[in-house]
Amino acid sequence: MRDLKHIHFFEELLERADNELVRQARDAGGVAVGYTCYYVPEALLNCGAAFSVRLRAPNTGSLDISQYYMSSFICGYTRALFERAFEGGMNFLDFYASSDTCQQMVRVVENIRELKLIDNPRFAWGIIDAPLKLSPHGLKLYTEQIREHLLRPLAENCGVDVSDAAIRAAVGEHNELCAVFEEISALRREDNPRITPREFHILSLVSYACPTALILPYLKETLAELRTREPDAVARWRARVVVVGSELDDYAFSEILENCRCYVAADRYCFGSFPGRQQIPLSDEEPALEQVCRWYLETNQCPRFMSQEKIVGRRELIKKLADEYRADGVIIEQAKFCDFWGYERTLNTQVLREDYGLPTLGVDREYVVRGSGQLATRVQAFVESIEFKKIQEGGGRA
């Protein structure tokens, strides 16, 4: 297939956190709000003049400084963000929205604050206390935390409009972006998909890492291009999988699977398309803030939720995605030293295989996966095991 028109531009945008569109939005008077967790509602960070930036640390090299302050036994994502802040790579931020869902990430925010690493006179930060289960009391706590620790400081320190009307406008723009991704995701159900795993991963990442208003026109144009794009004459995929797991912002992971002729039919990892790229329904019957907070709590798939309802729900969603997107198996990936996903990967690798009948591979990985020969070898072996299983069963999906 021919390259998508804007794919190289998208790759350039992912080369740095303060990319061209982020700088363009700030120059126009926008307020850059960085965040790292689904518990922090992305839609609410785009009210008024604010725009969200899903924090990443592309081109990460040495992590010596972060290891000195935070040790080497925490996940590479948190260490990479701290290292980038120490290098001055986060000075564009006006606000850092975080949550206590990951104590490793809280340490990043606390170190940035104590060491005064962000050279921006109006820089502020907020950390919310997020509930461990879905309940009326938990929703009330969650809503109040977001109002007091995120929206109020944004309004008072940065002059951001956080009114009900502003929230509804932000959700409308968010839904417009999600509508694009819902249609693109549907293309992955095709027998011979017209979009590759690497391309989809790149599109997903730029939608999080760039101001919505500025990236949306490019994504709409890409969708129009995909509608008429002709796939390769012969499908080259040996297996279709659902990728599940922790934060994954290195699209080289999808590239490695692609090179093994393993098609990522659906993704359910932190800041993938499930959840995160589905439209948020709003009514006029109650405040928009409460509806948005309820939506994020109900759709949140973080393994930090330990209630039986949520544990089973996470497995059921994986099974549902595998059925809807006609996947042959599941790959559960986990960033090394991620406490929550370490437990989830170990347990669900076995449960999905034995109780749900889904061939499942569990892998742990570094934050930067590019050039990982070990990952490629394991994926190749997994694809071969799926092919053997099809032969033993007398055929199956190609």
Protein backbone atom coordinates (compact mmCIF):
# COMPACT_ATOMS: atom_id res chain seq x y z
CA MET A 1 0.00 0.00 0.00
CA ARG A 2 1.07 3.56 -0.61
CA ASP A 3 2.11 5.62 2.41
CA LEU A 4 -0.57 7.74 4.00
CA LYS A 5 -0.20 11.38 3.03
CA HIS A 6 0.54 12.71 6.53
CA ILE A 7 2.26 9.68 8.07
CA HIS A 8 5.76 11.20 7.96
CA PHE A 9 4.45 14.44 9.46
CA PHE A 10 2.85 12.42 12.26
CA GLU A 11 6.16 10.66 12.90
CA GLU A 12 7.90 14.03 13.15
CA LEU A 13 5.32 15.21 15.68
CA LEU A 14 6.11 12.18 17.84
CA GLU A 15 9.83 12.96 17.91
CA ARG A 16 9.42 15.42 20.81
CA ALA A 17 6.86 16.23 23.48
CA ASP A 18 6.74 19.94 22.61
CA ASN A 19 6.09 19.23 18.96
CA GLU A 20 5.20 21.71 16.23
CA LEU A 21 1.48 21.71 17.00
CA VAL A 22 2.03 22.09 20.75
CA ARG A 23 4.25 25.10 20.16
CA GLN A 24 1.71 26.53 17.71
CA ALA A 25 -1.07 26.22 20.31
CA ARG A 26 1.02 27.86 23.04
CA ASP A 27 2.04 30.70 20.76
CA ALA A 28 -1.66 31.34 20.17
CA GLY A 29 -2.23 31.75 23.92
CA GLY A 30 -3.11 28.14 24.76
CA VAL A 31 -2.46 26.54 28.15
CA ALA A 32 -0.47 23.29 27.89
CA VAL A 33 -1.73 20.64 30.33
CA GLY A 34 0.36 17.49 30.63
CA TYR A 35 -1.10 14.24 31.96
CA THR A 36 -0.18 10.57 32.19
CA CYS A 37 -3.20 8.58 33.35
CA TYR A 38 -6.70 7.66 32.15
CA TYR A 39 -7.95 8.56 35.63
CA VAL A 40 -7.33 12.18 34.56
CA PRO A 41 -10.18 12.85 32.08
CA GLU A 42 -8.61 14.02 28.84
CA ALA A 43 -11.78 15.82 27.69
CA LEU A 44 -11.76 18.09 30.77
CA LEU A 45 -8.19 19.21 30.05
CA ASN A 46 -9.34 20.81 26.80
CA CYS A 47 -11.72 23.38 28.27
CA GLY A 48 -11.41 26.98 27.15
CA ALA A 49 -7.84 27.90 26.24
CA ALA A 50 -6.39 24.69 27.72
CA PHE A 51 -5.19 21.78 25.61
CA SER A 52 -4.05 18.35 26.74
CA VAL A 53 -0.66 16.79 26.02
CA ARG A 54 -0.25 13.13 26.77
CA LEU A 55 3.28 13.14 28.19
CA ARG A 56 5.93 11.02 26.52
CA ALA A 57 9.73 10.91 26.44
CA PRO A 58 10.66 10.06 22.85
CA ASN A 59 14.27 9.26 21.97
CA THR A 60 15.05 8.33 25.57
CA GLY A 61 18.68 7.43 26.14
CA SER A 62 20.52 7.29 29.46
CA LEU A 63 18.40 7.22 32.63
CA ASP A 64 21.29 7.78 35.05
CA ILE A 65 19.86 10.90 36.69
CA SER A 66 16.41 9.45 37.23
CA GLN A 67 17.89 6.25 38.65
CA TYR A 68 19.86 8.34 41.15
CA TYR A 69 16.70 10.07 42.39
CA MET A 70 14.16 7.26 41.91
CA SER A 71 16.13 3.95 41.77
CA SER A 72 16.30 1.49 38.88
CA PHE A 73 13.44 -0.66 40.19
CA ILE A 74 10.55 1.42 38.92
CA CYS A 75 9.09 1.47 35.44
CA GLY A 76 11.03 3.01 32.59
CA TYR A 77 8.16 5.34 31.66
CA THR A 78 8.29 7.22 34.96
CA ARG A 79 12.08 7.37 34.93
CA ALA A 80 12.09 8.61 31.32
CA LEU A 81 9.62 11.41 32.13
CA PHE A 82 11.69 12.53 35.10
CA GLU A 83 14.88 12.44 33.03
CA ARG A 84 13.23 14.52 30.31
CA ALA A 85 12.05 17.09 32.87
CA PHE A 86 15.59 17.26 34.29
CA GLU A 87 16.88 17.94 30.77
CA GLY A 88 14.44 20.84 30.40
CA GLY A 89 12.20 19.02 27.97
CA MET A 90 9.00 19.85 29.87
CA ASN A 91 9.41 23.59 30.27
CA PHE A 92 6.53 24.10 27.84
CA LEU A 93 4.05 22.80 30.43
CA ASP A 94 1.75 25.24 32.21
CA PHE A 95 0.07 22.57 34.32
CA TYR A 96 0.75 18.94 35.25
CA ALA A 97 -2.39 16.89 36.01
CA SER A 98 -1.67 13.63 37.81
CA SER A 99 -3.33 11.10 40.10
CA ASP A 100 -2.28 8.87 42.96
CA THR A 101 -3.19 5.76 40.97
CA CYS A 102 0.50 5.04 40.39
CA GLN A 103 2.81 5.97 43.25
CA GLN A 104 5.77 5.82 40.91
CA MET A 105 4.20 8.61 38.83
CA VAL A 106 3.42 10.61 41.98
CA ARG A 107 7.14 10.51 42.77
CA VAL A 108 7.83 12.04 39.34
CA VAL A 109 5.51 14.97 40.08
CA GLU A 110 6.89 15.43 43.58
CA ASN A 111 10.50 15.44 42.35
CA ILE A 112 9.65 17.91 39.60
CA ARG A 113 8.05 20.16 42.22
CA GLU A 114 10.78 19.86 44.88
CA LEU A 115 13.65 20.32 42.41
CA LYS A 116 11.82 23.09 40.51
CA LEU A 117 12.61 21.37 37.21
CA ILE A 118 10.05 23.17 35.04
CA ASP A 119 11.19 26.67 34.17
CA ASN A 120 7.82 28.30 33.65
CA PRO A 121 6.65 31.06 36.03
CA ARG A 122 2.99 30.08 35.86
CA PHE A 123 3.59 26.34 36.13
CA ALA A 124 1.25 24.57 38.55
CA TRP A 125 0.30 21.00 39.27
CA GLY A 126 -2.51 18.95 40.75
CA ILE A 127 -2.81 15.38 42.02
CA ILE A 128 -6.20 13.73 42.51
CA ASP A 129 -7.10 10.98 44.96
CA ALA A 130 -8.84 8.39 42.76
CA PRO A 131 -11.27 5.75 44.05
CA LEU A 132 -10.47 2.05 44.01
CA LYS A 133 -13.95 0.92 43.00
CA LEU A 134 -17.02 2.15 41.16
CA SER A 135 -19.73 3.35 43.56
CA PRO A 136 -21.89 6.46 44.17
CA HIS A 137 -19.53 7.49 46.98
CA GLY A 138 -16.50 6.90 44.77
CA LEU A 139 -18.00 8.96 41.96
CA LYS A 140 -18.69 11.84 44.36
CA LEU A 141 -15.10 11.71 45.64
CA TYR A 142 -13.68 11.52 42.13
CA THR A 143 -15.75 14.46 40.88
CA GLU A 144 -14.79 16.64 43.84
CA GLN A 145 -11.11 15.75 43.46
CA ILE A 146 -11.13 16.74 39.80
CA ARG A 147 -13.02 19.95 40.51
CA GLU A 148 -10.75 21.05 43.39
CA HIS A 149 -7.32 19.78 42.32
CA LEU A 150 -7.47 20.14 38.53
CA LEU A 151 -10.19 22.47 37.29
CA ARG A 152 -9.99 25.08 40.06
CA PRO A 153 -6.19 25.57 39.77
CA LEU A 154 -6.49 25.73 35.97
CA ALA A 155 -9.08 28.49 36.33
CA GLU A 156 -7.29 30.43 39.08
CA ASN A 157 -3.68 30.10 37.90
CA CYS A 158 -4.12 29.97 34.12
CA GLY A 159 -7.45 31.72 33.51
CA VAL A 160 -9.03 28.65 31.90
CA ASP A 161 -12.81 28.66 31.45
CA VAL A 162 -14.11 25.54 33.24
CA SER A 163 -17.82 26.37 33.14
CA ASP A 164 -20.46 23.81 32.20
CA ALA A 165 -20.68 25.34 28.73
CA ALA A 166 -16.90 25.09 28.30
CA ILE A 167 -16.92 21.44 29.39
CA ARG A 168 -19.69 20.62 26.92
CA ALA A 169 -17.78 22.33 24.12
CA ALA A 170 -14.64 20.37 25.01
CA VAL A 171 -16.58 17.09 25.03
CA GLY A 172 -18.08 17.96 21.65
CA GLU A 173 -14.61 18.40 20.16
CA HIS A 174 -13.44 15.21 21.89
CA ASN A 175 -16.37 13.28 20.40
CA GLU A 176 -15.54 14.62 16.95
CA LEU A 177 -12.05 13.17 17.31
CA CYS A 178 -13.39 9.87 18.65
CA ALA A 179 -15.83 9.54 15.76
CA VAL A 180 -12.84 9.55 13.41
CA PHE A 181 -11.16 6.77 15.39
CA GLU A 182 -14.30 4.70 15.67
CA GLU A 183 -14.49 4.59 11.87
CA ILE A 184 -10.79 3.90 11.47
CA SER A 185 -10.97 1.12 14.09
CA ALA A 186 -13.80 -0.51 12.14
CA LEU A 187 -11.43 -0.87 9.18
CA ARG A 188 -9.32 -3.26 11.24
CA ARG A 189 -12.14 -5.81 11.13
CA GLU A 190 -11.64 -6.31 7.38
CA ASP A 191 -10.23 -9.60 6.08
CA ASN A 192 -7.46 -7.67 4.36
CA PRO A 193 -7.19 -4.41 6.37
CA ARG A 194 -6.24 -1.21 4.59
CA ILE A 195 -4.41 0.19 7.62
CA THR A 196 -1.35 -1.40 9.23
CA PRO A 197 -0.70 -1.83 12.99
CA ARG A 198 2.18 0.66 12.85
CA GLU A 199 0.04 3.29 11.09
CA PHE A 200 -2.84 2.94 13.53
CA HIS A 201 -0.50 3.18 16.51
CA ILE A 202 1.02 6.38 15.12
CA LEU A 203 -2.43 7.91 14.49
CA SER A 204 -3.51 7.03 18.01
CA LEU A 205 -0.39 8.53 19.59
CA VAL A 206 -0.59 11.86 17.74
CA SER A 207 -4.24 12.19 18.76
CA TYR A 208 -3.13 12.13 22.41
CA ALA A 209 0.14 14.05 22.07
CA CYS A 210 -1.16 17.03 20.07
CA PRO A 211 -3.82 19.71 20.66
CA THR A 212 -7.12 18.22 19.51
CA ALA A 213 -8.21 21.26 17.51
CA LEU A 214 -4.96 21.27 15.51
CA ILE A 215 -4.52 17.54 14.87
CA LEU A 216 -8.19 16.87 14.05
CA PRO A 217 -8.10 18.27 10.47
CA TYR A 218 -5.13 16.03 9.62
CA LEU A 219 -6.87 12.97 11.08
CA LYS A 220 -10.08 13.72 9.17
CA GLU A 221 -8.09 13.99 5.95
CA THR A 222 -6.39 10.68 6.76
CA LEU A 223 -9.76 9.03 7.34
CA ALA A 224 -11.00 10.28 3.96
CA GLU A 225 -7.85 8.84 2.41
CA LEU A 226 -8.39 5.47 4.11
CA ARG A 227 -11.97 5.23 2.87
CA THR A 228 -10.72 4.89 -0.71
CA ARG A 229 -7.37 3.25 -0.04
CA GLU A 230 -6.78 -0.05 -1.79
CA PRO A 231 -5.22 -2.76 0.40
CA ASP A 232 -2.45 -5.04 -0.79
CA ALA A 233 -3.62 -7.58 -3.34
CA VAL A 234 -2.79 -10.47 -1.00
CA ALA A 235 -3.20 -10.31 2.77
CA ARG A 236 0.15 -10.90 4.43
CA TRP A 237 -1.03 -11.50 8.00
CA ARG A 238 -0.43 -14.87 9.64
CA ALA A 239 -2.39 -14.10 12.82
CA ARG A 240 -4.64 -11.41 14.30
CA VAL A 241 -4.27 -10.37 17.95
CA VAL A 242 -5.63 -8.03 20.59
CA VAL A 243 -2.83 -6.19 22.41
CA VAL A 244 -3.59 -5.52 26.08
CA GLY A 245 -1.55 -3.92 28.82
CA SER A 246 0.19 -0.94 30.34
CA GLU A 247 1.30 2.40 28.91
CA LEU A 248 2.74 1.91 25.41
CA ASP A 249 3.86 4.98 23.49
CA ASP A 250 6.62 3.45 21.37
CA TYR A 251 5.01 2.49 18.06
CA ALA A 252 8.02 0.29 17.38
CA PHE A 253 6.12 -2.34 19.39
CA SER A 254 3.43 -2.49 16.70
CA GLU A 255 6.14 -2.35 14.05
CA ILE A 256 7.81 -5.46 15.51
CA LEU A 257 4.48 -7.32 15.43
CA GLU A 258 3.90 -6.11 11.89
CA ASN A 259 7.29 -7.45 10.78
CA CYS A 260 6.26 -10.82 12.24
CA ARG A 261 3.10 -10.59 10.08
CA CYS A 262 1.03 -10.37 13.25
CA TYR A 263 -1.89 -7.96 12.85
CA VAL A 264 -3.01 -5.84 15.80
CA ALA A 265 -6.76 -5.97 15.28
CA ALA A 266 -7.61 -4.11 18.50
CA ASP A 267 -5.68 -2.48 21.34
CA ARG A 268 -6.67 -2.25 25.00
CA TYR A 269 -3.62 -0.70 26.61
CA CYS A 270 -3.22 2.56 28.49
CA PHE A 271 -3.91 5.38 26.02
CA GLY A 272 -4.88 3.10 23.19
CA SER A 273 -8.19 3.19 21.37
CA PHE A 274 -10.07 1.06 23.98
CA PRO A 275 -10.86 2.88 26.15
CA GLY A 276 -10.11 6.46 25.25
CA ARG A 277 -11.36 6.85 21.71
CA GLN A 278 -15.08 6.33 22.20
CA GLN A 279 -17.58 9.18 22.24
CA ILE A 280 -18.84 10.46 25.60
CA PRO A 281 -22.64 10.76 25.76
CA LEU A 282 -23.98 13.92 27.42
CA SER A 283 -27.50 14.92 28.41
CA ASP A 284 -28.98 18.20 29.66
CA GLU A 285 -30.35 16.58 32.80
CA GLU A 286 -27.28 16.95 35.03
CA PRO A 287 -23.99 18.91 35.07
CA ALA A 288 -21.54 17.93 32.36
CA LEU A 289 -18.72 17.46 34.89
CA GLU A 290 -20.58 14.69 36.72
CA GLN A 291 -21.43 12.92 33.46
CA VAL A 292 -17.83 13.06 32.23
CA CYS A 293 -16.46 11.78 35.54
CA ARG A 294 -18.97 8.93 35.59
CA TRP A 295 -18.01 7.99 32.02
CA TYR A 296 -14.29 7.82 32.82
CA LEU A 297 -14.84 5.76 35.97
CA GLU A 298 -17.19 3.31 34.26
CA THR A 299 -14.97 2.80 31.22
CA ASN A 300 -11.68 2.75 33.15
CA GLN A 301 -9.93 -0.60 32.70
CA CYS A 302 -6.97 0.00 35.02
CA PRO A 303 -5.95 -3.08 37.08
CA ARG A 304 -5.86 -0.75 40.09
CA PHE A 305 -9.62 -1.49 40.29
CA MET A 306 -9.63 -4.61 42.46
CA SER A 307 -13.38 -5.25 42.81
CA GLN A 308 -14.52 -8.59 41.41
CA GLU A 309 -16.87 -6.77 39.04
CA LYS A 310 -14.00 -4.82 37.49
CA ILE A 311 -11.62 -7.79 37.37
CA VAL A 312 -14.12 -9.94 35.48
CA GLY A 313 -15.16 -6.95 33.37
CA ARG A 314 -11.60 -6.48 32.13
CA ARG A 315 -11.46 -10.10 30.99
CA GLU A 316 -14.88 -9.92 29.39
CA LEU A 317 -13.86 -6.82 27.43
CA ILE A 318 -10.78 -8.60 26.07
CA LYS A 319 -12.95 -11.53 25.02
CA LYS A 320 -15.46 -9.16 23.42
CA LEU A 321 -12.74 -7.35 21.47
CA ALA A 322 -11.25 -10.67 20.33
CA ASP A 323 -14.66 -11.77 19.03
CA GLU A 324 -15.63 -8.45 17.40
CA TYR A 325 -12.26 -7.94 15.72
CA ARG A 326 -11.85 -11.63 14.88
CA ALA A 327 -8.58 -12.02 16.73
CA ASP A 328 -6.80 -15.36 16.96
CA GLY A 329 -5.12 -14.56 20.26
CA VAL A 330 -4.10 -11.99 22.85
CA ILE A 331 -0.76 -10.40 23.71
CA ILE A 332 -0.56 -8.90 27.22
CA GLU A 333 2.35 -6.50 27.48
CA GLN A 334 3.66 -4.94 30.67
CA ALA A 335 6.29 -2.31 31.30
CA LYS A 336 8.94 -3.75 33.59
CA PHE A 337 8.38 -2.95 37.28
CA CYS A 338 4.77 -1.90 36.73
CA ASP A 339 3.18 -3.29 39.90
CA PHE A 340 -0.45 -3.29 38.76
CA TRP A 341 0.11 -4.75 35.31
CA GLY A 342 2.70 -7.24 36.57
CA TYR A 343 -0.02 -8.95 38.63
CA GLU A 344 -2.64 -8.55 35.90
CA ARG A 345 -0.41 -9.99 33.16
CA THR A 346 0.67 -13.00 35.22
CA LEU A 347 -2.89 -13.93 36.20
CA ASN A 348 -4.72 -13.17 32.97
CA THR A 349 -2.19 -14.90 30.74
CA GLN A 350 -3.37 -18.10 32.37
CA VAL A 351 -7.06 -17.22 32.88
CA LEU A 352 -7.65 -16.06 29.29
CA ARG A 353 -6.00 -19.19 27.96
CA GLU A 354 -7.71 -21.72 30.22
CA ASP A 355 -11.11 -20.15 30.98
CA TYR A 356 -11.76 -18.18 27.79
CA GLY A 357 -10.00 -20.38 25.25
CA LEU A 358 -7.85 -17.53 23.94
CA PRO A 359 -4.22 -18.24 23.01
CA THR A 360 -2.37 -15.69 25.15
CA LEU A 361 1.21 -14.46 25.31
CA GLY A 362 2.48 -12.40 28.24
CA VAL A 363 5.56 -10.21 27.80
CA ASP A 364 7.35 -7.63 29.89
CA ARG A 365 9.29 -4.92 28.12
CA GLU A 366 11.42 -1.83 28.52
CA TYR A 367 9.94 1.61 27.92
CA VAL A 368 11.82 1.81 24.61
CA VAL A 369 11.26 -1.39 22.63
CA ARG A 370 12.84 -0.47 19.31
CA GLY A 371 15.33 -3.11 18.23
CA SER A 372 14.16 -5.69 20.78
CA GLY A 373 15.19 -8.99 19.22
CA GLN A 374 13.82 -10.94 22.18
CA LEU A 375 10.32 -9.50 21.67
CA ALA A 376 10.41 -10.32 17.97
CA THR A 377 11.46 -13.90 18.73
CA ARG A 378 8.66 -14.41 21.24
CA VAL A 379 6.02 -12.93 18.94
CA GLN A 380 7.24 -15.09 16.06
CA ALA A 381 6.97 -18.21 18.21
CA PHE A 382 3.47 -17.16 19.36
CA VAL A 383 2.32 -16.66 15.77
CA GLU A 384 3.64 -20.10 14.87
CA SER A 385 1.79 -21.66 17.82
CA ILE A 386 -1.45 -20.06 16.58
CA GLU A 387 -0.82 -21.48 13.10
CA PHE A 388 -0.20 -24.95 14.55
CA LYS A 389 -3.42 -24.69 16.55
CA LYS A 390 -5.37 -23.85 13.37
CA ILE A 391 -3.88 -26.86 11.60
CA GLN A 392 -4.78 -29.14 14.51
CA GLU A 393 -8.35 -27.82 14.48
CA GLY A 394 -8.61 -28.41 10.76
CA GLY A 395 -8.35 -24.82 9.54
CA GLY A 396 -9.43 -21.42 10.74
CA ARG A 397 -9.11 -17.80 9.92
CA ALA A 398 -6.16 -16.83 7.79
